PDB file of N, CA and C in Angstrom:
ATOM      1  N   UNK A   1     112.738 227.436 154.077  1.00  0.00           N
ATOM      2  CA  UNK A   1     113.625 226.903 153.060  1.00  0.00           C
ATOM      3  C   UNK A   1     113.137 227.278 151.654  1.00  0.00           C
ATOM      4  N   UNK A   2     111.813 227.163 151.416  1.00  0.00           N
ATOM      5  CA  UNK A   2     111.251 227.529 150.119  1.00  0.00           C
ATOM      6  C   UNK A   2     111.475 229.000 149.819  1.00  0.00           C
ATOM      7  N   UNK A   3     111.356 229.822 150.856  1.00  0.00           N
ATOM      8  CA  UNK A   3     111.541 231.258 150.674  1.00  0.00           C
ATOM      9  C   UNK A   3     112.981 231.559 150.248  1.00  0.00           C
ATOM     10  N   UNK A   4     113.931 230.835 150.818  1.00  0.00           N
ATOM     11  CA  UNK A   4     115.341 231.020 150.472  1.00  0.00           C
ATOM     12  C   UNK A   4     115.585 230.610 149.021  1.00  0.00           C
ATOM     13  N   UNK A   5     115.011 229.473 148.602  1.00  0.00           N
ATOM     14  CA  UNK A   5     115.172 229.016 147.218  1.00  0.00           C
ATOM     15  C   UNK A   5     114.522 229.991 146.246  1.00  0.00           C
ATOM     16  N   UNK A   6     113.370 230.522 146.623  1.00  0.00           N
ATOM     17  CA  UNK A   6     112.672 231.494 145.786  1.00  0.00           C
ATOM     18  C   UNK A   6     113.508 232.762 145.633  1.00  0.00           C
ATOM     19  N   UNK A   7     114.114 233.196 146.712  1.00  0.00           N
ATOM     20  CA  UNK A   7     114.968 234.378 146.692  1.00  0.00           C
ATOM     21  C   UNK A   7     116.199 234.137 145.816  1.00  0.00           C
ATOM     22  N   UNK A   8     116.777 232.939 145.917  1.00  0.00           N
ATOM     23  CA  UNK A   8     117.941 232.599 145.103  1.00  0.00           C
ATOM     24  C   UNK A   8     117.580 232.573 143.617  1.00  0.00           C
ATOM     25  N   UNK A   9     116.405 232.001 143.304  1.00  0.00           N
ATOM     26  CA  UNK A   9     115.955 231.962 141.912  1.00  0.00           C
ATOM     27  C   UNK A   9     115.748 233.374 141.369  1.00  0.00           C
ATOM     28  N   UNK A  10     115.132 234.224 142.165  1.00  0.00           N
ATOM     29  CA  UNK A  10     114.893 235.613 141.748  1.00  0.00           C
ATOM     30  C   UNK A  10     116.217 236.338 141.517  1.00  0.00           C
ATOM     31  N   UNK A  11     117.179 236.117 142.404  1.00  0.00           N
ATOM     32  CA  UNK A  11     118.496 236.732 142.272  1.00  0.00           C
ATOM     33  C   UNK A  11     119.187 236.242 140.997  1.00  0.00           C
ATOM     34  N   UNK A  12     119.106 234.941 140.751  1.00  0.00           N
ATOM     35  CA  UNK A  12     119.727 234.360 139.555  1.00  0.00           C
ATOM     36  C   UNK A  12     119.070 234.923 138.286  1.00  0.00           C
ATOM     37  N   UNK A  13     117.756 235.060 138.287  1.00  0.00           N
ATOM     38  CA  UNK A  13     117.060 235.610 137.122  1.00  0.00           C
ATOM     39  C   UNK A  13     117.429 237.080 136.904  1.00  0.00           C
ATOM     40  N   UNK A  14     117.587 237.805 137.998  1.00  0.00           N
ATOM     41  CA  UNK A  14     118.001 239.208 137.896  1.00  0.00           C
ATOM     42  C   UNK A  14     119.394 239.306 137.270  1.00  0.00           C
ATOM     43  N   UNK A  15     120.310 238.473 137.735  1.00  0.00           N
ATOM     44  CA  UNK A  15     121.675 238.491 137.193  1.00  0.00           C
ATOM     45  C   UNK A  15     121.684 238.044 135.731  1.00  0.00           C
ATOM     46  N   UNK A  16     120.842 237.063 135.403  1.00  0.00           N
ATOM     47  CA  UNK A  16     120.750 236.595 134.021  1.00  0.00           C
ATOM     48  C   UNK A  16     120.240 237.720 133.110  1.00  0.00           C
ATOM     49  N   UNK A  17     119.236 238.461 133.567  1.00  0.00           N
ATOM     50  CA  UNK A  17     118.706 239.586 132.788  1.00  0.00           C
ATOM     51  C   UNK A  17     119.772 240.668 132.615  1.00  0.00           C
ATOM     52  N   UNK A  18     120.515 240.926 133.681  1.00  0.00           N
ATOM     53  CA  UNK A  18     121.585 241.924 133.634  1.00  0.00           C
ATOM     54  C   UNK A  18     122.652 241.511 132.621  1.00  0.00           C
ATOM     55  N   UNK A  19     123.047 240.245 132.665  1.00  0.00           N
ATOM     56  CA  UNK A  19     124.065 239.767 131.745  1.00  0.00           C
ATOM     57  C   UNK A  19     123.535 239.650 130.319  1.00  0.00           C
ATOM     58  N   UNK A  20     122.271 239.407 130.186  1.00  0.00           N
ATOM     59  CA  UNK A  20     121.666 239.391 128.853  1.00  0.00           C
ATOM     60  C   UNK A  20     121.819 240.765 128.208  1.00  0.00           C
ATOM     61  N   UNK A  21     121.594 241.811 128.989  1.00  0.00           N
ATOM     62  CA  UNK A  21     121.772 243.178 128.487  1.00  0.00           C
ATOM     63  C   UNK A  21     123.241 243.445 128.140  1.00  0.00           C
ATOM     64  N   UNK A  22     124.148 242.950 128.976  1.00  0.00           N
ATOM     65  CA  UNK A  22     125.579 243.159 128.706  1.00  0.00           C
ATOM     66  C   UNK A  22     126.018 242.435 127.432  1.00  0.00           C
ATOM     67  N   UNK A  23     125.595 241.197 127.276  1.00  0.00           N
ATOM     68  CA  UNK A  23     125.961 240.426 126.082  1.00  0.00           C
ATOM     69  C   UNK A  23     125.404 241.122 124.843  1.00  0.00           C
ATOM     70  N   UNK A  24     124.163 241.583 124.917  1.00  0.00           N
ATOM     71  CA  UNK A  24     123.557 242.303 123.790  1.00  0.00           C
ATOM     72  C   UNK A  24     124.322 243.591 123.505  1.00  0.00           C
ATOM     73  N   UNK A  25     124.723 244.301 124.547  1.00  0.00           N
ATOM     74  CA  UNK A  25     125.493 245.539 124.367  1.00  0.00           C
ATOM     75  C   UNK A  25     126.819 245.248 123.676  1.00  0.00           C
ATOM     76  N   UNK A  26     127.470 244.170 124.072  1.00  0.00           N
ATOM     77  CA  UNK A  26     128.744 243.783 123.459  1.00  0.00           C
ATOM     78  C   UNK A  26     128.543 243.456 121.984  1.00  0.00           C
ATOM     79  N   UNK A  27     127.546 242.632 121.706  1.00  0.00           N
ATOM     80  CA  UNK A  27     127.314 242.182 120.335  1.00  0.00           C
ATOM     81  C   UNK A  27     126.886 243.326 119.417  1.00  0.00           C
ATOM     82  N   UNK A  28     126.153 244.283 119.947  1.00  0.00           N
ATOM     83  CA  UNK A  28     125.677 245.383 119.104  1.00  0.00           C
ATOM     84  C   UNK A  28     126.662 246.556 119.057  1.00  0.00           C
ATOM     85  N   UNK A  29     127.738 246.488 119.844  1.00  0.00           N
ATOM     86  CA  UNK A  29     128.708 247.591 119.879  1.00  0.00           C
ATOM     87  C   UNK A  29     129.561 247.666 118.622  1.00  0.00           C
ATOM     88  N   UNK A  30     129.696 246.540 117.932  1.00  0.00           N
ATOM     89  CA  UNK A  30     130.562 246.507 116.760  1.00  0.00           C
ATOM     90  C   UNK A  30     132.023 246.293 117.105  1.00  0.00           C
ATOM     91  N   UNK A  31     132.330 246.234 118.393  1.00  0.00           N
ATOM     92  CA  UNK A  31     133.712 246.014 118.839  1.00  0.00           C
ATOM     93  C   UNK A  31     133.988 244.520 118.960  1.00  0.00           C
ATOM     94  N   UNK A  32     135.253 244.131 118.816  1.00  0.00           N
ATOM     95  CA  UNK A  32     135.603 242.745 119.131  1.00  0.00           C
ATOM     96  C   UNK A  32     135.315 242.488 120.617  1.00  0.00           C
ATOM     97  N   UNK A  33     134.944 241.259 120.947  1.00  0.00           N
ATOM     98  CA  UNK A  33     134.591 240.923 122.331  1.00  0.00           C
ATOM     99  C   UNK A  33     135.716 241.303 123.287  1.00  0.00           C
ATOM    100  N   UNK A  34     136.951 240.984 122.920  1.00  0.00           N
ATOM    101  CA  UNK A  34     138.088 241.284 123.795  1.00  0.00           C
ATOM    102  C   UNK A  34     138.197 242.766 124.125  1.00  0.00           C
ATOM    103  N   UNK A  35     138.039 243.598 123.121  1.00  0.00           N
ATOM    104  CA  UNK A  35     138.136 245.044 123.343  1.00  0.00           C
ATOM    105  C   UNK A  35     136.969 245.528 124.200  1.00  0.00           C
ATOM    106  N   UNK A  36     135.756 245.051 123.894  1.00  0.00           N
ATOM    107  CA  UNK A  36     134.584 245.466 124.669  1.00  0.00           C
ATOM    108  C   UNK A  36     134.737 245.070 126.130  1.00  0.00           C
ATOM    109  N   UNK A  37     135.228 243.842 126.361  1.00  0.00           N
ATOM    110  CA  UNK A  37     135.428 243.360 127.741  1.00  0.00           C
ATOM    111  C   UNK A  37     136.396 244.252 128.489  1.00  0.00           C
ATOM    112  N   UNK A  38     137.530 244.564 127.839  1.00  0.00           N
ATOM    113  CA  UNK A  38     138.536 245.399 128.492  1.00  0.00           C
ATOM    114  C   UNK A  38     137.980 246.774 128.830  1.00  0.00           C
ATOM    115  N   UNK A  39     137.248 247.358 127.894  1.00  0.00           N
ATOM    116  CA  UNK A  39     136.676 248.683 128.132  1.00  0.00           C
ATOM    117  C   UNK A  39     135.642 248.667 129.256  1.00  0.00           C
ATOM    118  N   UNK A  40     135.039 247.498 129.500  1.00  0.00           N
ATOM    119  CA  UNK A  40     133.999 247.384 130.527  1.00  0.00           C
ATOM    120  C   UNK A  40     134.480 246.653 131.778  1.00  0.00           C
ATOM    121  N   UNK A  41     135.788 246.333 131.824  1.00  0.00           N
ATOM    122  CA  UNK A  41     136.378 245.717 133.015  1.00  0.00           C
ATOM    123  C   UNK A  41     135.822 244.343 133.352  1.00  0.00           C
ATOM    124  N   UNK A  42     135.595 243.519 132.336  1.00  0.00           N
ATOM    125  CA  UNK A  42     135.017 242.188 132.550  1.00  0.00           C
ATOM    126  C   UNK A  42     136.047 241.129 132.168  1.00  0.00           C
ATOM    127  N   UNK A  43     136.258 240.177 133.060  1.00  0.00           N
ATOM    128  CA  UNK A  43     137.218 239.093 132.820  1.00  0.00           C
ATOM    129  C   UNK A  43     136.702 238.161 131.716  1.00  0.00           C
ATOM    130  N   UNK A  44     137.648 237.557 130.990  1.00  0.00           N
ATOM    131  CA  UNK A  44     137.311 236.632 129.903  1.00  0.00           C
ATOM    132  C   UNK A  44     136.388 235.527 130.388  1.00  0.00           C
ATOM    133  N   UNK A  45     136.793 234.843 131.456  1.00  0.00           N
ATOM    134  CA  UNK A  45     136.012 233.697 131.943  1.00  0.00           C
ATOM    135  C   UNK A  45     134.617 234.118 132.398  1.00  0.00           C
ATOM    136  N   UNK A  46     134.520 235.281 133.005  1.00  0.00           N
ATOM    137  CA  UNK A  46     133.216 235.775 133.467  1.00  0.00           C
ATOM    138  C   UNK A  46     132.296 236.040 132.285  1.00  0.00           C
ATOM    139  N   UNK A  47     132.817 236.754 131.286  1.00  0.00           N
ATOM    140  CA  UNK A  47     131.986 237.092 130.125  1.00  0.00           C
ATOM    141  C   UNK A  47     131.474 235.834 129.429  1.00  0.00           C
ATOM    142  N   UNK A  48     132.383 234.921 129.100  1.00  0.00           N
ATOM    143  CA  UNK A  48     131.974 233.750 128.329  1.00  0.00           C
ATOM    144  C   UNK A  48     131.107 232.789 129.142  1.00  0.00           C
ATOM    145  N   UNK A  49     131.316 232.737 130.442  1.00  0.00           N
ATOM    146  CA  UNK A  49     130.456 231.918 131.298  1.00  0.00           C
ATOM    147  C   UNK A  49     129.023 232.447 131.265  1.00  0.00           C
ATOM    148  N   UNK A  50     128.879 233.759 131.408  1.00  0.00           N
ATOM    149  CA  UNK A  50     127.539 234.350 131.386  1.00  0.00           C
ATOM    150  C   UNK A  50     126.930 234.329 129.994  1.00  0.00           C
ATOM    151  N   UNK A  51     127.757 234.499 128.973  1.00  0.00           N
ATOM    152  CA  UNK A  51     127.228 234.420 127.610  1.00  0.00           C
ATOM    153  C   UNK A  51     126.619 233.043 127.374  1.00  0.00           C
ATOM    154  N   UNK A  52     127.311 232.003 127.823  1.00  0.00           N
ATOM    155  CA  UNK A  52     126.808 230.633 127.676  1.00  0.00           C
ATOM    156  C   UNK A  52     125.478 230.467 128.419  1.00  0.00           C
ATOM    157  N   UNK A  53     125.395 231.014 129.639  1.00  0.00           N
ATOM    158  CA  UNK A  53     124.155 230.919 130.420  1.00  0.00           C
ATOM    159  C   UNK A  53     123.012 231.666 129.732  1.00  0.00           C
ATOM    160  N   UNK A  54     123.310 232.837 129.183  1.00  0.00           N
ATOM    161  CA  UNK A  54     122.287 233.626 128.484  1.00  0.00           C
ATOM    162  C   UNK A  54     121.780 232.867 127.260  1.00  0.00           C
ATOM    163  N   UNK A  55     122.697 232.331 126.453  1.00  0.00           N
ATOM    164  CA  UNK A  55     122.293 231.597 125.257  1.00  0.00           C
ATOM    165  C   UNK A  55     121.497 230.346 125.614  1.00  0.00           C
ATOM    166  N   UNK A  56     121.900 229.661 126.684  1.00  0.00           N
ATOM    167  CA  UNK A  56     121.171 228.467 127.122  1.00  0.00           C
ATOM    168  C   UNK A  56     119.752 228.838 127.555  1.00  0.00           C
ATOM    169  N   UNK A  57     119.614 229.935 128.282  1.00  0.00           N
ATOM    170  CA  UNK A  57     118.286 230.380 128.727  1.00  0.00           C
ATOM    171  C   UNK A  57     117.411 230.734 127.527  1.00  0.00           C
ATOM    172  N   UNK A  58     117.987 231.397 126.532  1.00  0.00           N
ATOM    173  CA  UNK A  58     117.231 231.738 125.327  1.00  0.00           C
ATOM    174  C   UNK A  58     116.807 230.486 124.576  1.00  0.00           C
ATOM    175  N   UNK A  59     117.709 229.527 124.521  1.00  0.00           N
ATOM    176  CA  UNK A  59     117.413 228.267 123.835  1.00  0.00           C
ATOM    177  C   UNK A  59     116.243 227.553 124.510  1.00  0.00           C
ATOM    178  N   UNK A  60     116.211 227.578 125.830  1.00  0.00           N
ATOM    179  CA  UNK A  60     115.135 226.922 126.570  1.00  0.00           C
ATOM    180  C   UNK A  60     113.806 227.646 126.382  1.00  0.00           C
ATOM    181  N   UNK A  61     113.860 228.955 126.151  1.00  0.00           N
ATOM    182  CA  UNK A  61     112.634 229.735 125.967  1.00  0.00           C
ATOM    183  C   UNK A  61     112.013 229.555 124.589  1.00  0.00           C
ATOM    184  N   UNK A  62     112.864 229.247 123.617  1.00  0.00           N
ATOM    185  CA  UNK A  62     112.348 229.106 122.260  1.00  0.00           C
ATOM    186  C   UNK A  62     111.436 227.896 122.184  1.00  0.00           C
ATOM    187  N   UNK A  63     110.309 228.117 121.589  1.00  0.00           N
ATOM    188  CA  UNK A  63     109.303 227.076 121.487  1.00  0.00           C
ATOM    189  C   UNK A  63     109.360 226.458 120.096  1.00  0.00           C
ATOM    190  N   UNK A  64     109.280 225.151 120.042  1.00  0.00           N
ATOM    191  CA  UNK A  64     109.254 224.461 118.761  1.00  0.00           C
ATOM    192  C   UNK A  64     107.825 224.497 118.243  1.00  0.00           C
ATOM    193  N   UNK A  65     107.670 224.946 117.020  1.00  0.00           N
ATOM    194  CA  UNK A  65     106.343 224.955 116.418  1.00  0.00           C
ATOM    195  C   UNK A  65     106.379 224.160 115.124  1.00  0.00           C
ATOM    196  N   UNK A  66     105.274 223.576 114.813  1.00  0.00           N
ATOM    197  CA  UNK A  66     105.161 222.784 113.600  1.00  0.00           C
ATOM    198  C   UNK A  66     104.140 223.436 112.686  1.00  0.00           C
ATOM    199  N   UNK A  67     104.410 223.387 111.423  1.00  0.00           N
ATOM    200  CA  UNK A  67     103.482 223.939 110.442  1.00  0.00           C
ATOM    201  C   UNK A  67     103.024 222.814 109.531  1.00  0.00           C
ATOM    202  N   UNK A  68     101.749 222.822 109.234  1.00  0.00           N
ATOM    203  CA  UNK A  68     101.220 221.815 108.328  1.00  0.00           C
ATOM    204  C   UNK A  68     101.543 222.238 106.904  1.00  0.00           C
ATOM    205  N   UNK A  69     102.134 221.335 106.166  1.00  0.00           N
ATOM    206  CA  UNK A  69     102.477 221.609 104.779  1.00  0.00           C
ATOM    207  C   UNK A  69     101.551 220.775 103.907  1.00  0.00           C
ATOM    208  N   UNK A  70     100.739 221.421 103.104  1.00  0.00           N
ATOM    209  CA  UNK A  70      99.805 220.652 102.280  1.00  0.00           C
ATOM    210  C   UNK A  70     100.549 219.868 101.204  1.00  0.00           C
ATOM    211  N   UNK A  71     100.048 218.693 100.916  1.00  0.00           N
ATOM    212  CA  UNK A  71     100.629 217.856  99.876  1.00  0.00           C
ATOM    213  C   UNK A  71     100.034 218.298  98.552  1.00  0.00           C
ATOM    214  N   UNK A  72     100.900 218.613  97.622  1.00  0.00           N
ATOM    215  CA  UNK A  72     100.415 219.047  96.312  1.00  0.00           C
ATOM    216  C   UNK A  72     100.072 217.831  95.472  1.00  0.00           C
ATOM    217  N   UNK A  73      98.971 217.936  94.782  1.00  0.00           N
ATOM    218  CA  UNK A  73      98.592 216.845  93.895  1.00  0.00           C
ATOM    219  C   UNK A  73      99.497 216.871  92.676  1.00  0.00           C
ATOM    220  N   UNK A  74      99.855 215.699  92.247  1.00  0.00           N
ATOM    221  CA  UNK A  74     100.690 215.593  91.065  1.00  0.00           C
ATOM    222  C   UNK A  74      99.795 215.643  89.833  1.00  0.00           C
ATOM    223  N   UNK A  75     100.019 216.626  89.022  1.00  0.00           N
ATOM    224  CA  UNK A  75      99.197 216.747  87.823  1.00  0.00           C
ATOM    225  C   UNK A  75      99.912 216.118  86.641  1.00  0.00           C
ATOM    226  N   UNK A  76      99.145 215.624  85.737  1.00  0.00           N
ATOM    227  CA  UNK A  76      99.693 215.027  84.523  1.00  0.00           C
ATOM    228  C   UNK A  76      99.967 216.162  83.542  1.00  0.00           C
ATOM    229  N   UNK A  77     101.212 216.286  83.067  1.00  0.00           N
ATOM    230  CA  UNK A  77     101.503 217.367  82.133  1.00  0.00           C
ATOM    231  C   UNK A  77     100.702 217.203  80.841  1.00  0.00           C
ATOM    232  N   UNK A  78     100.288 218.335  80.311  1.00  0.00           N
ATOM    233  CA  UNK A  78      99.575 218.274  79.035  1.00  0.00           C
ATOM    234  C   UNK A  78     100.567 218.578  77.925  1.00  0.00           C
ATOM    235  N   UNK A  79     100.318 218.090  76.770  1.00  0.00           N
ATOM    236  CA  UNK A  79     101.219 218.317  75.658  1.00  0.00           C
ATOM    237  C   UNK A  79     102.220 217.182  75.528  1.00  0.00           C
ATOM    238  N   UNK A  80     103.225 217.412  74.734  1.00  0.00           N
ATOM    239  CA  UNK A  80     104.212 216.365  74.518  1.00  0.00           C
ATOM    240  C   UNK A  80     105.610 216.881  74.845  1.00  0.00           C
ATOM    241  N   UNK A  81     106.506 215.922  75.073  1.00  0.00           N
ATOM    242  CA  UNK A  81     107.887 216.249  75.439  1.00  0.00           C
ATOM    243  C   UNK A  81     108.615 216.752  74.199  1.00  0.00           C
ATOM    244  N   UNK A  82     109.229 217.932  74.316  1.00  0.00           N
ATOM    245  CA  UNK A  82     109.995 218.481  73.197  1.00  0.00           C
ATOM    246  C   UNK A  82     111.496 218.311  73.409  1.00  0.00           C
ATOM    247  N   UNK A  83     111.906 218.034  74.642  1.00  0.00           N
ATOM    248  CA  UNK A  83     113.320 217.800  74.934  1.00  0.00           C
ATOM    249  C   UNK A  83     113.421 216.978  76.212  1.00  0.00           C
ATOM    250  N   UNK A  84     114.435 216.120  76.262  1.00  0.00           N
ATOM    251  CA  UNK A  84     114.669 215.312  77.460  1.00  0.00           C
ATOM    252  C   UNK A  84     116.162 215.086  77.591  1.00  0.00           C
ATOM    253  N   UNK A  85     116.628 215.024  78.827  1.00  0.00           N
ATOM    254  CA  UNK A  85     118.039 214.731  79.071  1.00  0.00           C
ATOM    255  C   UNK A  85     118.187 214.129  80.460  1.00  0.00           C
ATOM    256  N   UNK A  86     119.290 213.458  80.684  1.00  0.00           N
ATOM    257  CA  UNK A  86     119.566 212.882  81.993  1.00  0.00           C
ATOM    258  C   UNK A  86     120.946 213.355  82.429  1.00  0.00           C
ATOM    259  N   UNK A  87     120.998 213.923  83.636  1.00  0.00           N
ATOM    260  CA  UNK A  87     122.251 214.435  84.180  1.00  0.00           C
ATOM    261  C   UNK A  87     122.420 213.873  85.580  1.00  0.00           C
ATOM    262  N   UNK A  88     123.512 213.171  85.801  1.00  0.00           N
ATOM    263  CA  UNK A  88     123.817 212.603  87.123  1.00  0.00           C
ATOM    264  C   UNK A  88     122.640 211.819  87.695  1.00  0.00           C
ATOM    265  N   UNK A  89     121.987 211.056  86.852  1.00  0.00           N
ATOM    266  CA  UNK A  89     120.882 210.218  87.311  1.00  0.00           C
ATOM    267  C   UNK A  89     119.560 210.942  87.454  1.00  0.00           C
ATOM    268  N   UNK A  90     119.521 212.216  87.095  1.00  0.00           N
ATOM    269  CA  UNK A  90     118.282 212.996  87.169  1.00  0.00           C
ATOM    270  C   UNK A  90     117.764 213.197  85.750  1.00  0.00           C
ATOM    271  N   UNK A  91     116.526 212.760  85.509  1.00  0.00           N
ATOM    272  CA  UNK A  91     115.929 212.894  84.180  1.00  0.00           C
ATOM    273  C   UNK A  91     115.139 214.199  84.114  1.00  0.00           C
ATOM    274  N   UNK A  92     115.418 214.962  83.079  1.00  0.00           N
ATOM    275  CA  UNK A  92     114.755 216.243  82.868  1.00  0.00           C
ATOM    276  C   UNK A  92     113.955 216.150  81.578  1.00  0.00           C
ATOM    277  N   UNK A  93     112.667 216.488  81.672  1.00  0.00           N
ATOM    278  CA  UNK A  93     111.800 216.487  80.494  1.00  0.00           C
ATOM    279  C   UNK A  93     111.185 217.873  80.353  1.00  0.00           C
ATOM    280  N   UNK A  94     111.269 218.402  79.147  1.00  0.00           N
ATOM    281  CA  UNK A  94     110.706 219.718  78.871  1.00  0.00           C
ATOM    282  C   UNK A  94     109.507 219.521  77.950  1.00  0.00           C
ATOM    283  N   UNK A  95     108.372 220.028  78.389  1.00  0.00           N
ATOM    284  CA  UNK A  95     107.143 219.896  77.610  1.00  0.00           C
ATOM    285  C   UNK A  95     106.920 221.129  76.756  1.00  0.00           C
ATOM    286  N   UNK A  96     106.153 220.954  75.697  1.00  0.00           N
ATOM    287  CA  UNK A  96     105.846 222.073  74.807  1.00  0.00           C
ATOM    288  C   UNK A  96     105.234 223.217  75.614  1.00  0.00           C
ATOM    289  N   UNK A  97     105.570 224.409  75.226  1.00  0.00           N
ATOM    290  CA  UNK A  97     105.023 225.575  75.908  1.00  0.00           C
ATOM    291  C   UNK A  97     105.898 226.100  77.034  1.00  0.00           C
ATOM    292  N   UNK A  98     107.001 225.398  77.342  1.00  0.00           N
ATOM    293  CA  UNK A  98     107.891 225.880  78.405  1.00  0.00           C
ATOM    294  C   UNK A  98     108.517 227.197  77.955  1.00  0.00           C
ATOM    295  N   UNK A  99     108.530 228.181  78.836  1.00  0.00           N
ATOM    296  CA  UNK A  99     109.067 229.486  78.458  1.00  0.00           C
ATOM    297  C   UNK A  99     110.589 229.529  78.614  1.00  0.00           C
ATOM    298  N   UNK A 100     111.178 230.564  78.056  1.00  0.00           N
ATOM    299  CA  UNK A 100     112.635 230.737  78.031  1.00  0.00           C
ATOM    300  C   UNK A 100     113.231 230.753  79.441  1.00  0.00           C
ATOM    301  N   UNK A 101     112.591 231.466  80.372  1.00  0.00           N
ATOM    302  CA  UNK A 101     113.115 231.562  81.739  1.00  0.00           C
ATOM    303  C   UNK A 101     113.146 230.202  82.423  1.00  0.00           C
ATOM    304  N   UNK A 102     112.105 229.408  82.183  1.00  0.00           N
ATOM    305  CA  UNK A 102     112.053 228.064  82.768  1.00  0.00           C
ATOM    306  C   UNK A 102     113.182 227.208  82.215  1.00  0.00           C
ATOM    307  N   UNK A 103     113.384 227.273  80.902  1.00  0.00           N
ATOM    308  CA  UNK A 103     114.462 226.491  80.280  1.00  0.00           C
ATOM    309  C   UNK A 103     115.830 226.920  80.808  1.00  0.00           C
ATOM    310  N   UNK A 104     116.035 228.219  80.956  1.00  0.00           N
ATOM    311  CA  UNK A 104     117.309 228.701  81.487  1.00  0.00           C
ATOM    312  C   UNK A 104     117.524 228.209  82.915  1.00  0.00           C
ATOM    313  N   UNK A 105     116.479 228.231  83.722  1.00  0.00           N
ATOM    314  CA  UNK A 105     116.588 227.757  85.106  1.00  0.00           C
ATOM    315  C   UNK A 105     116.912 226.273  85.143  1.00  0.00           C
ATOM    316  N   UNK A 106     116.282 225.498  84.258  1.00  0.00           N
ATOM    317  CA  UNK A 106     116.538 224.049  84.205  1.00  0.00           C
ATOM    318  C   UNK A 106     117.983 223.789  83.798  1.00  0.00           C
ATOM    319  N   UNK A 107     118.455 224.483  82.772  1.00  0.00           N
ATOM    320  CA  UNK A 107     119.833 224.285  82.311  1.00  0.00           C
ATOM    321  C   UNK A 107     120.849 224.719  83.362  1.00  0.00           C
ATOM    322  N   UNK A 108     120.562 225.799  84.058  1.00  0.00           N
ATOM    323  CA  UNK A 108     121.456 226.259  85.128  1.00  0.00           C
ATOM    324  C   UNK A 108     121.524 225.216  86.237  1.00  0.00           C
ATOM    325  N   UNK A 109     120.374 224.659  86.600  1.00  0.00           N
ATOM    326  CA  UNK A 109     120.342 223.626  87.638  1.00  0.00           C
ATOM    327  C   UNK A 109     121.083 222.382  87.174  1.00  0.00           C
ATOM    328  N   UNK A 110     120.942 222.034  85.902  1.00  0.00           N
ATOM    329  CA  UNK A 110     121.615 220.849  85.365  1.00  0.00           C
ATOM    330  C   UNK A 110     123.132 221.024  85.390  1.00  0.00           C
ATOM    331  N   UNK A 111     123.614 222.248  85.166  1.00  0.00           N
ATOM    332  CA  UNK A 111     125.057 222.510  85.207  1.00  0.00           C
ATOM    333  C   UNK A 111     125.645 222.230  86.585  1.00  0.00           C
ATOM    334  N   UNK A 112     124.857 222.448  87.623  1.00  0.00           N
ATOM    335  CA  UNK A 112     125.370 222.267  88.984  1.00  0.00           C
ATOM    336  C   UNK A 112     125.349 220.812  89.432  1.00  0.00           C
ATOM    337  N   UNK A 113     124.764 219.931  88.639  1.00  0.00           N
ATOM    338  CA  UNK A 113     124.715 218.500  89.009  1.00  0.00           C
ATOM    339  C   UNK A 113     126.044 217.831  88.775  1.00  0.00           C
TER     340      UNK A 113
END
């Protein structure tokens, strides 16, 4: 019984690999799926059923990884505030020495609020 299940699993994996190649060929062909299917003699239901199985298998293979993000220390700004404004509940303070590009970026961001 185990040998039969093992054989079935191997057969299923072989078919999945075969369909993975077909789905990739379709996607990289530049043709609409419908046209590619017709040119390759594949029924709509067959193609989309296998595409779903291929995507599910890929999803299961993808591993979730976590990255440690260091916490930045909050530094106390030096100098004094030369401009301040509040937009949509967000307070913006510009300290002496801020360059033109920084000010432009701040104003652009404020416009989108």
